[in-house]
């Protein structure tokens, strides 16, 4: 279930946000949720590292490498081979 949050903003800003949201086919709540999610994602280093490891793992798998190959690959990269 969603939680409610009250935010106070300038009336002029509120009008602009309403207009932009409407032109995008969204409501203000959707816009605020998206902005907050992006804000947290940009600052959540743990999620960034997890996504990075997922990308690395997927590239290794695509090349036919498995868990047993990881240390060898790391050693090769560190030695510049």
N, C-alpha and C. Protein backbone atom coordinates (compact mmCIF):
# COMPACT_ATOMS: atom_id res chain seq x y z
N UNK A 1 0.84 -1.18 0.00
CA UNK A 1 0.00 0.00 0.00
C UNK A 1 0.88 1.25 0.00
N UNK A 2 0.45 2.27 -0.67
CA UNK A 2 1.19 3.51 -0.77
C UNK A 2 0.99 4.38 0.46
N UNK A 3 2.00 5.17 0.76
CA UNK A 3 1.92 6.12 1.86
C UNK A 3 1.73 7.51 1.27
N UNK A 4 1.10 8.34 2.01
CA UNK A 4 0.83 9.70 1.56
C UNK A 4 1.89 10.64 2.09
N UNK A 5 2.24 11.66 1.29
CA UNK A 5 3.22 12.65 1.68
C UNK A 5 2.66 14.03 1.34
N UNK A 6 2.80 14.95 2.26
CA UNK A 6 2.35 16.31 2.01
C UNK A 6 3.57 17.18 1.75
N UNK A 7 3.54 17.90 0.64
CA UNK A 7 4.65 18.77 0.26
C UNK A 7 4.08 20.15 -0.02
N UNK A 8 4.71 21.16 0.55
CA UNK A 8 4.27 22.53 0.31
C UNK A 8 5.17 23.16 -0.75
N UNK A 9 4.50 23.71 -1.78
CA UNK A 9 5.23 24.38 -2.86
C UNK A 9 4.54 25.69 -3.21
N UNK A 10 5.26 26.52 -3.87
CA UNK A 10 4.76 27.81 -4.34
C UNK A 10 3.59 27.58 -5.31
N UNK A 11 2.52 28.37 -5.22
CA UNK A 11 1.37 28.19 -6.12
C UNK A 11 1.73 28.28 -7.61
N UNK A 12 2.68 29.14 -7.94
CA UNK A 12 3.10 29.27 -9.34
C UNK A 12 3.77 27.98 -9.82
N UNK A 13 4.63 27.41 -8.97
CA UNK A 13 5.28 26.15 -9.31
C UNK A 13 4.24 25.04 -9.45
N UNK A 14 3.27 25.01 -8.55
CA UNK A 14 2.21 23.99 -8.61
C UNK A 14 1.45 24.07 -9.92
N UNK A 15 1.13 25.28 -10.37
CA UNK A 15 0.41 25.45 -11.63
C UNK A 15 1.24 24.96 -12.81
N UNK A 16 2.53 25.26 -12.79
CA UNK A 16 3.41 24.81 -13.87
C UNK A 16 3.53 23.29 -13.89
N UNK A 17 3.70 22.70 -12.71
CA UNK A 17 3.80 21.24 -12.63
C UNK A 17 2.52 20.60 -13.14
N UNK A 18 1.37 21.14 -12.74
CA UNK A 18 0.09 20.61 -13.21
C UNK A 18 0.01 20.66 -14.74
N UNK A 19 0.40 21.79 -15.32
CA UNK A 19 0.33 21.94 -16.77
C UNK A 19 1.27 20.97 -17.49
N UNK A 20 2.51 20.88 -17.00
CA UNK A 20 3.47 19.97 -17.64
C UNK A 20 3.04 18.52 -17.49
N UNK A 21 2.56 18.16 -16.31
CA UNK A 21 2.11 16.78 -16.08
C UNK A 21 0.97 16.44 -17.02
N UNK A 22 0.00 17.34 -17.12
CA UNK A 22 -1.15 17.11 -18.00
C UNK A 22 -0.70 16.96 -19.46
N UNK A 23 0.25 17.79 -19.87
CA UNK A 23 0.72 17.70 -21.26
C UNK A 23 1.46 16.39 -21.53
N UNK A 24 1.98 15.78 -20.47
CA UNK A 24 2.64 14.47 -20.59
C UNK A 24 1.67 13.31 -20.39
N UNK A 25 0.39 13.64 -20.13
CA UNK A 25 -0.61 12.60 -19.90
C UNK A 25 -0.50 11.96 -18.54
N UNK A 26 0.02 12.70 -17.57
CA UNK A 26 0.21 12.18 -16.22
C UNK A 26 -0.48 13.11 -15.23
N UNK A 27 -0.58 12.63 -13.98
CA UNK A 27 -1.03 13.52 -12.92
C UNK A 27 0.19 13.91 -12.08
N UNK A 28 0.01 14.87 -11.22
CA UNK A 28 1.14 15.38 -10.42
C UNK A 28 1.72 14.28 -9.54
N UNK A 29 0.89 13.43 -9.00
CA UNK A 29 1.39 12.34 -8.15
C UNK A 29 2.35 11.44 -8.92
N UNK A 30 2.01 11.12 -10.16
CA UNK A 30 2.90 10.28 -10.97
C UNK A 30 4.24 10.97 -11.20
N UNK A 31 4.20 12.26 -11.50
CA UNK A 31 5.43 13.01 -11.74
C UNK A 31 6.30 13.03 -10.49
N UNK A 32 5.69 13.31 -9.35
CA UNK A 32 6.45 13.37 -8.09
C UNK A 32 7.04 12.01 -7.75
N UNK A 33 6.26 10.94 -7.93
CA UNK A 33 6.78 9.59 -7.66
C UNK A 33 7.99 9.30 -8.54
N UNK A 34 7.88 9.62 -9.84
CA UNK A 34 9.01 9.37 -10.75
C UNK A 34 10.24 10.17 -10.35
N UNK A 35 10.04 11.43 -9.98
CA UNK A 35 11.17 12.26 -9.56
C UNK A 35 11.82 11.72 -8.29
N UNK A 36 11.01 11.30 -7.32
CA UNK A 36 11.57 10.76 -6.07
C UNK A 36 12.29 9.45 -6.32
N UNK A 37 11.73 8.59 -7.18
CA UNK A 37 12.40 7.33 -7.49
C UNK A 37 13.75 7.59 -8.16
N UNK A 38 13.79 8.53 -9.08
CA UNK A 38 15.05 8.87 -9.76
C UNK A 38 16.06 9.46 -8.77
N UNK A 39 15.57 10.29 -7.86
CA UNK A 39 16.43 10.91 -6.85
C UNK A 39 17.09 9.84 -5.98
N UNK A 40 16.31 8.90 -5.51
CA UNK A 40 16.85 7.83 -4.66
C UNK A 40 17.79 6.94 -5.46
N UNK A 41 17.40 6.60 -6.67
CA UNK A 41 18.24 5.72 -7.50
C UNK A 41 19.59 6.36 -7.78
N UNK A 42 19.61 7.66 -8.04
CA UNK A 42 20.86 8.36 -8.31
C UNK A 42 21.80 8.37 -7.11
N UNK A 43 21.26 8.23 -5.93
CA UNK A 43 22.07 8.32 -4.72
C UNK A 43 22.29 6.97 -4.03
N UNK A 44 21.69 5.92 -4.54
CA UNK A 44 21.78 4.61 -3.92
C UNK A 44 22.93 3.83 -4.54
N UNK A 45 24.12 3.98 -3.97
CA UNK A 45 25.32 3.35 -4.51
C UNK A 45 25.21 1.83 -4.52
N UNK A 46 24.51 1.27 -3.56
CA UNK A 46 24.34 -0.19 -3.51
C UNK A 46 23.63 -0.71 -4.74
N UNK A 47 22.55 -0.03 -5.13
CA UNK A 47 21.82 -0.44 -6.33
C UNK A 47 22.67 -0.27 -7.57
N UNK A 48 23.45 0.81 -7.61
CA UNK A 48 24.33 1.04 -8.76
C UNK A 48 25.34 -0.10 -8.89
N UNK A 49 25.95 -0.47 -7.78
CA UNK A 49 26.94 -1.56 -7.80
C UNK A 49 26.28 -2.87 -8.20
N UNK A 50 25.08 -3.14 -7.67
CA UNK A 50 24.36 -4.37 -8.04
C UNK A 50 24.07 -4.40 -9.54
N UNK A 51 23.61 -3.28 -10.10
CA UNK A 51 23.34 -3.21 -11.54
C UNK A 51 24.62 -3.41 -12.34
N UNK A 52 25.71 -2.84 -11.86
CA UNK A 52 27.00 -2.99 -12.54
C UNK A 52 27.43 -4.46 -12.57
N UNK A 53 27.33 -5.14 -11.41
CA UNK A 53 27.69 -6.55 -11.36
C UNK A 53 26.78 -7.38 -12.25
N UNK A 54 25.50 -7.04 -12.32
CA UNK A 54 24.58 -7.76 -13.21
C UNK A 54 25.01 -7.61 -14.66
N UNK A 55 25.39 -6.39 -15.06
CA UNK A 55 25.83 -6.16 -16.44
C UNK A 55 27.11 -6.94 -16.74
N UNK A 56 28.05 -6.90 -15.79
CA UNK A 56 29.31 -7.64 -15.98
C UNK A 56 29.01 -9.14 -16.08
N UNK A 57 28.18 -9.64 -15.17
CA UNK A 57 27.83 -11.06 -15.19
C UNK A 57 27.16 -11.48 -16.48
N UNK A 58 26.25 -10.64 -16.97
CA UNK A 58 25.57 -10.96 -18.22
C UNK A 58 26.53 -10.98 -19.40
N UNK A 59 27.50 -10.05 -19.41
CA UNK A 59 28.49 -10.05 -20.49
C UNK A 59 29.37 -11.29 -20.43
N UNK A 60 29.75 -11.68 -19.21
CA UNK A 60 30.57 -12.89 -19.06
C UNK A 60 29.80 -14.12 -19.52
N UNK A 61 28.54 -14.22 -19.12
CA UNK A 61 27.71 -15.37 -19.53
C UNK A 61 27.54 -15.40 -21.04
N UNK A 62 27.34 -14.23 -21.64
CA UNK A 62 27.15 -14.16 -23.10
C UNK A 62 28.39 -14.65 -23.84
N UNK A 63 29.55 -14.52 -23.21
CA UNK A 63 30.80 -14.98 -23.82
C UNK A 63 31.12 -16.43 -23.44
N UNK A 64 30.19 -17.08 -22.74
CA UNK A 64 30.38 -18.48 -22.38
C UNK A 64 31.18 -18.71 -21.11
N UNK A 65 31.40 -17.67 -20.32
CA UNK A 65 32.16 -17.80 -19.08
C UNK A 65 31.21 -18.06 -17.91
N UNK A 66 31.67 -18.84 -16.96
CA UNK A 66 30.88 -19.14 -15.77
C UNK A 66 31.62 -18.75 -14.51
N UNK A 67 31.05 -19.11 -13.36
CA UNK A 67 31.66 -18.74 -12.08
C UNK A 67 33.11 -19.21 -11.93
N UNK A 68 33.44 -20.35 -12.50
CA UNK A 68 34.79 -20.89 -12.37
C UNK A 68 35.81 -20.04 -13.14
N UNK A 69 35.36 -19.26 -14.10
CA UNK A 69 36.25 -18.45 -14.93
C UNK A 69 36.52 -17.06 -14.34
N UNK A 70 35.77 -16.66 -13.35
CA UNK A 70 35.83 -15.28 -12.87
C UNK A 70 37.21 -14.90 -12.36
N UNK A 71 37.83 -15.71 -11.50
CA UNK A 71 39.15 -15.35 -10.95
C UNK A 71 40.20 -15.26 -12.05
N UNK A 72 40.13 -16.17 -13.01
CA UNK A 72 41.08 -16.13 -14.13
C UNK A 72 40.91 -14.83 -14.92
N UNK A 73 39.68 -14.43 -15.18
CA UNK A 73 39.40 -13.21 -15.94
C UNK A 73 39.90 -11.98 -15.16
N UNK A 74 39.62 -11.95 -13.86
CA UNK A 74 40.09 -10.84 -13.03
C UNK A 74 41.61 -10.75 -13.07
N UNK A 75 42.29 -11.88 -12.91
CA UNK A 75 43.75 -11.90 -12.94
C UNK A 75 44.30 -11.41 -14.28
N UNK A 76 43.64 -11.84 -15.38
CA UNK A 76 44.08 -11.40 -16.71
C UNK A 76 43.91 -9.90 -16.88
N UNK A 77 42.80 -9.39 -16.44
CA UNK A 77 42.55 -7.96 -16.56
C UNK A 77 43.54 -7.14 -15.72
N UNK A 78 43.82 -7.61 -14.54
CA UNK A 78 44.76 -6.89 -13.67
C UNK A 78 46.19 -6.92 -14.20
N UNK A 79 46.54 -8.00 -14.88
CA UNK A 79 47.89 -8.11 -15.42
C UNK A 79 48.03 -7.43 -16.77
N UNK A 80 46.91 -7.01 -17.35
CA UNK A 80 46.95 -6.29 -18.63
C UNK A 80 46.98 -7.19 -19.85
N UNK A 81 46.67 -8.46 -19.70
CA UNK A 81 46.67 -9.39 -20.83
C UNK A 81 45.47 -9.16 -21.71
